[in-house]
Amino acid sequence: MNQDSFTAKYQSQWRQFELWLDSQNTSIPKEKRPQFKNSAEIPHLYRQLCHHLSLAQSRHYSAHLIDYLNQLVLSGIIFVIVWAARWYRTCHSGLA
């Protein structure tokens, strides 16, 4: 599959993941954040995104596309790490 076909086929999934990230972004005022209705899809979208990054790298697609997908993957990882740290602090704040 060439890069244009790959992008056309999967870009809507990438946009969905971006929309979800924006909906979780606390630096955006709550009333301006996009609404994301189906958070249950996120683990699947994230796994697909990681797979798409791997495919793009192995097929030697453009650096621009690889950078874009890599940034989405990293943003997902950062969100999970920050969320887990907040959850941990909340759960353990009363134990000291």
N, C-alpha and C. Protein backbone atom coordinates (compact mmCIF):
# COMPACT_ATOMS: atom_id res chain seq x y z
N MET A 1 0.86 -1.17 0.00
CA MET A 1 0.00 0.00 0.00
C MET A 1 0.91 1.24 0.00
N ASN A 2 0.60 2.19 -0.87
CA ASN A 2 1.42 3.40 -0.88
C ASN A 2 0.98 4.34 0.25
N GLN A 3 1.77 5.37 0.49
CA GLN A 3 1.53 6.26 1.62
C GLN A 3 0.19 7.00 1.51
N ASP A 4 -0.16 7.43 0.32
CA ASP A 4 -1.42 8.15 0.15
C ASP A 4 -2.62 7.27 0.49
N SER A 5 -2.60 6.03 0.03
CA SER A 5 -3.68 5.09 0.34
C SER A 5 -3.73 4.79 1.83
N PHE A 6 -2.57 4.60 2.43
CA PHE A 6 -2.45 4.33 3.87
C PHE A 6 -3.05 5.49 4.67
N THR A 7 -2.67 6.70 4.32
CA THR A 7 -3.17 7.89 5.01
C THR A 7 -4.68 8.02 4.83
N ALA A 8 -5.15 7.85 3.62
CA ALA A 8 -6.59 7.97 3.36
C ALA A 8 -7.39 6.93 4.15
N LYS A 9 -6.85 5.73 4.26
CA LYS A 9 -7.56 4.65 4.94
C LYS A 9 -7.63 4.86 6.45
N TYR A 10 -6.57 5.39 7.06
CA TYR A 10 -6.48 5.42 8.52
C TYR A 10 -6.56 6.80 9.17
N GLN A 11 -6.55 7.84 8.37
CA GLN A 11 -6.51 9.18 8.94
C GLN A 11 -7.69 9.48 9.87
N SER A 12 -8.85 8.95 9.57
CA SER A 12 -10.00 9.22 10.44
C SER A 12 -9.78 8.63 11.84
N GLN A 13 -9.10 7.49 11.94
CA GLN A 13 -8.78 6.92 13.26
C GLN A 13 -7.79 7.82 14.01
N TRP A 14 -6.82 8.34 13.29
CA TRP A 14 -5.84 9.21 13.92
C TRP A 14 -6.50 10.49 14.42
N ARG A 15 -7.43 11.01 13.64
CA ARG A 15 -8.17 12.21 14.04
C ARG A 15 -9.03 11.94 15.27
N GLN A 16 -9.63 10.76 15.34
CA GLN A 16 -10.41 10.39 16.52
C GLN A 16 -9.54 10.39 17.77
N PHE A 17 -8.34 9.83 17.66
CA PHE A 17 -7.43 9.80 18.80
C PHE A 17 -7.01 11.21 19.19
N GLU A 18 -6.74 12.05 18.20
CA GLU A 18 -6.41 13.45 18.48
C GLU A 18 -7.56 14.16 19.19
N LEU A 19 -8.77 13.92 18.74
CA LEU A 19 -9.95 14.51 19.36
C LEU A 19 -10.06 14.08 20.82
N TRP A 20 -9.83 12.80 21.07
CA TRP A 20 -9.86 12.31 22.44
C TRP A 20 -8.78 12.98 23.29
N LEU A 21 -7.56 13.08 22.77
CA LEU A 21 -6.49 13.75 23.51
C LEU A 21 -6.88 15.19 23.84
N ASP A 22 -7.44 15.90 22.86
CA ASP A 22 -7.87 17.27 23.11
C ASP A 22 -8.99 17.33 24.15
N SER A 23 -9.86 16.33 24.16
CA SER A 23 -10.95 16.32 25.14
C SER A 23 -10.44 16.10 26.56
N GLN A 24 -9.24 15.56 26.69
CA GLN A 24 -8.64 15.30 28.01
C GLN A 24 -7.66 16.40 28.43
N ASN A 25 -7.39 17.33 27.55
CA ASN A 25 -6.37 18.36 27.78
C ASN A 25 -6.88 19.42 28.75
N THR A 26 -6.35 19.43 29.96
CA THR A 26 -6.82 20.37 30.98
C THR A 26 -6.31 21.79 30.75
N SER A 27 -5.38 21.98 29.81
CA SER A 27 -4.94 23.35 29.51
C SER A 27 -5.93 24.07 28.60
N ILE A 28 -6.86 23.32 28.03
CA ILE A 28 -7.94 23.91 27.24
C ILE A 28 -9.12 24.12 28.19
N PRO A 29 -9.72 25.31 28.22
CA PRO A 29 -10.89 25.51 29.09
C PRO A 29 -11.96 24.46 28.79
N LYS A 30 -12.59 23.97 29.84
CA LYS A 30 -13.53 22.85 29.70
C LYS A 30 -14.62 23.12 28.66
N GLU A 31 -15.12 24.35 28.63
CA GLU A 31 -16.19 24.66 27.68
C GLU A 31 -15.71 24.69 26.23
N LYS A 32 -14.38 24.76 26.01
CA LYS A 32 -13.84 24.78 24.66
C LYS A 32 -13.28 23.43 24.22
N ARG A 33 -13.20 22.49 25.16
CA ARG A 33 -12.69 21.16 24.80
C ARG A 33 -13.72 20.41 23.97
N PRO A 34 -13.25 19.66 23.00
CA PRO A 34 -14.21 18.84 22.23
C PRO A 34 -14.81 17.75 23.12
N GLN A 35 -16.02 17.38 22.82
CA GLN A 35 -16.66 16.29 23.55
C GLN A 35 -16.34 14.98 22.85
N PHE A 36 -15.96 14.00 23.64
CA PHE A 36 -15.66 12.68 23.08
C PHE A 36 -16.57 11.68 23.78
N LYS A 37 -17.42 11.05 23.03
CA LYS A 37 -18.48 10.22 23.60
C LYS A 37 -18.06 8.79 23.93
N ASN A 38 -17.13 8.22 23.17
CA ASN A 38 -16.88 6.79 23.32
C ASN A 38 -15.44 6.51 23.75
N SER A 39 -15.14 6.75 25.01
CA SER A 39 -13.79 6.52 25.52
C SER A 39 -13.42 5.04 25.55
N ALA A 40 -14.39 4.15 25.47
CA ALA A 40 -14.11 2.72 25.46
C ALA A 40 -13.31 2.31 24.23
N GLU A 41 -13.37 3.11 23.18
CA GLU A 41 -12.64 2.81 21.94
C GLU A 41 -11.16 3.16 22.04
N ILE A 42 -10.77 3.95 23.02
CA ILE A 42 -9.42 4.49 23.07
C ILE A 42 -8.32 3.41 23.11
N PRO A 43 -8.42 2.39 23.95
CA PRO A 43 -7.35 1.37 23.93
C PRO A 43 -7.16 0.75 22.54
N HIS A 44 -8.26 0.46 21.86
CA HIS A 44 -8.17 -0.11 20.52
C HIS A 44 -7.54 0.90 19.55
N LEU A 45 -7.99 2.15 19.60
CA LEU A 45 -7.43 3.17 18.72
C LEU A 45 -5.94 3.34 18.98
N TYR A 46 -5.54 3.29 20.25
CA TYR A 46 -4.13 3.47 20.58
C TYR A 46 -3.29 2.30 20.04
N ARG A 47 -3.77 1.07 20.21
CA ARG A 47 -3.05 -0.09 19.67
C ARG A 47 -2.92 0.02 18.15
N GLN A 48 -4.01 0.43 17.51
CA GLN A 48 -3.98 0.60 16.05
C GLN A 48 -2.97 1.67 15.66
N LEU A 49 -2.96 2.76 16.40
CA LEU A 49 -2.03 3.85 16.13
C LEU A 49 -0.58 3.38 16.23
N CYS A 50 -0.27 2.61 17.26
CA CYS A 50 1.08 2.06 17.41
C CYS A 50 1.43 1.15 16.23
N HIS A 51 0.47 0.35 15.81
CA HIS A 51 0.68 -0.53 14.66
C HIS A 51 0.90 0.29 13.39
N HIS A 52 0.12 1.34 13.21
CA HIS A 52 0.27 2.19 12.03
C HIS A 52 1.64 2.86 12.01
N LEU A 53 2.11 3.30 13.17
CA LEU A 53 3.45 3.88 13.25
C LEU A 53 4.50 2.85 12.82
N SER A 54 4.37 1.64 13.33
CA SER A 54 5.31 0.59 12.97
C SER A 54 5.29 0.31 11.46
N LEU A 55 4.10 0.24 10.89
CA LEU A 55 3.98 0.02 9.45
C LEU A 55 4.62 1.16 8.66
N ALA A 56 4.33 2.39 9.07
CA ALA A 56 4.88 3.55 8.35
C ALA A 56 6.40 3.53 8.39
N GLN A 57 6.96 3.17 9.55
CA GLN A 57 8.42 3.10 9.66
C GLN A 57 8.99 1.99 8.78
N SER A 58 8.37 0.82 8.83
CA SER A 58 8.90 -0.31 8.07
C SER A 58 8.75 -0.12 6.57
N ARG A 59 7.76 0.66 6.16
CA ARG A 59 7.55 0.92 4.73
C ARG A 59 8.29 2.17 4.26
N HIS A 60 9.01 2.80 5.15
CA HIS A 60 9.80 3.99 4.83
C HIS A 60 8.95 5.11 4.24
N TYR A 61 7.79 5.34 4.89
CA TYR A 61 6.96 6.47 4.49
C TYR A 61 7.65 7.76 4.89
N SER A 62 7.08 8.87 4.54
CA SER A 62 7.74 10.17 4.75
C SER A 62 8.02 10.44 6.23
N ALA A 63 9.06 11.21 6.45
CA ALA A 63 9.41 11.60 7.82
C ALA A 63 8.27 12.38 8.46
N HIS A 64 7.57 13.16 7.66
CA HIS A 64 6.45 13.95 8.18
C HIS A 64 5.37 13.04 8.77
N LEU A 65 4.98 12.00 8.04
CA LEU A 65 3.95 11.08 8.52
C LEU A 65 4.45 10.32 9.75
N ILE A 66 5.66 9.84 9.71
CA ILE A 66 6.21 9.10 10.84
C ILE A 66 6.29 10.00 12.07
N ASP A 67 6.71 11.24 11.91
CA ASP A 67 6.77 12.18 13.04
C ASP A 67 5.38 12.45 13.61
N TYR A 68 4.40 12.61 12.73
CA TYR A 68 3.02 12.85 13.15
C TYR A 68 2.50 11.67 13.99
N LEU A 69 2.66 10.46 13.48
CA LEU A 69 2.19 9.28 14.20
C LEU A 69 2.97 9.09 15.50
N ASN A 70 4.26 9.32 15.46
CA ASN A 70 5.07 9.19 16.66
C ASN A 70 4.62 10.18 17.74
N GLN A 71 4.30 11.40 17.33
CA GLN A 71 3.83 12.41 18.30
C GLN A 71 2.51 11.98 18.93
N LEU A 72 1.62 11.40 18.14
CA LEU A 72 0.36 10.91 18.71
C LEU A 72 0.60 9.79 19.71
N VAL A 73 1.48 8.86 19.36
CA VAL A 73 1.80 7.76 20.27
C VAL A 73 2.40 8.30 21.57
N LEU A 74 3.36 9.21 21.46
CA LEU A 74 3.98 9.78 22.65
C LEU A 74 2.98 10.56 23.49
N SER A 75 2.08 11.28 22.86
CA SER A 75 1.05 12.01 23.61
C SER A 75 0.16 11.06 24.38
N GLY A 76 -0.15 9.92 23.78
CA GLY A 76 -0.94 8.91 24.48
C GLY A 76 -0.20 8.34 25.68
N ILE A 77 1.08 8.07 25.52
CA ILE A 77 1.89 7.55 26.63
C ILE A 77 1.97 8.57 27.75
N ILE A 78 2.23 9.82 27.40
CA ILE A 78 2.33 10.87 28.42
C ILE A 78 1.02 11.01 29.17
N PHE A 79 -0.11 10.97 28.46
CA PHE A 79 -1.40 11.06 29.13
C PHE A 79 -1.57 9.94 30.15
N VAL A 80 -1.24 8.71 29.77
CA VAL A 80 -1.40 7.57 30.68
C VAL A 80 -0.49 7.72 31.90
N ILE A 81 0.74 8.15 31.69
CA ILE A 81 1.67 8.30 32.81
C ILE A 81 1.18 9.38 33.77
N VAL A 82 0.75 10.51 33.25
CA VAL A 82 0.26 11.60 34.10
C VAL A 82 -1.00 11.15 34.84
N TRP A 83 -1.92 10.50 34.14
CA TRP A 83 -3.14 10.03 34.77
C TRP A 83 -2.83 9.03 35.89
N ALA A 84 -1.92 8.10 35.62
CA ALA A 84 -1.55 7.09 36.63
C ALA A 84 -0.91 7.75 37.85
N ALA A 85 -0.05 8.74 37.63
CA ALA A 85 0.59 9.43 38.75
C ALA A 85 -0.44 10.16 39.60
N ARG A 86 -1.41 10.81 38.97
CA ARG A 86 -2.48 11.50 39.72
C ARG A 86 -3.32 10.50 40.51
N TRP A 87 -3.64 9.40 39.86
CA TRP A 87 -4.43 8.37 40.53
C TRP A 87 -3.68 7.82 41.74
N TYR A 88 -2.40 7.56 41.58
CA TYR A 88 -1.57 7.02 42.66
C TYR A 88 -1.52 8.01 43.82
N ARG A 89 -1.28 9.29 43.53
CA ARG A 89 -1.22 10.30 44.59
C ARG A 89 -2.56 10.40 45.31
N THR A 90 -3.64 10.34 44.56
CA THR A 90 -4.98 10.43 45.16
C THR A 90 -5.22 9.23 46.08
N CYS A 91 -4.86 8.06 45.64
CA CYS A 91 -5.11 6.84 46.43
C CYS A 91 -4.22 6.76 47.67
N HIS A 92 -3.03 7.33 47.58
CA HIS A 92 -2.09 7.19 48.66
C HIS A 92 -1.90 8.46 49.50
N SER A 93 -2.67 9.48 49.21
CA SER A 93 -2.50 10.75 49.93
C SER A 93 -2.89 10.63 51.40
N GLY A 94 -3.81 9.78 51.75
CA GLY A 94 -4.25 9.64 53.13
C GLY A 94 -3.48 8.59 53.92
N LEU A 95 -2.51 7.95 53.31
CA LEU A 95 -1.80 6.86 53.97
C LEU A 95 -0.56 7.33 54.74
N ALA A 96 -0.11 8.52 54.54
CA ALA A 96 1.12 9.00 55.18
C ALA A 96 0.92 9.36 56.64
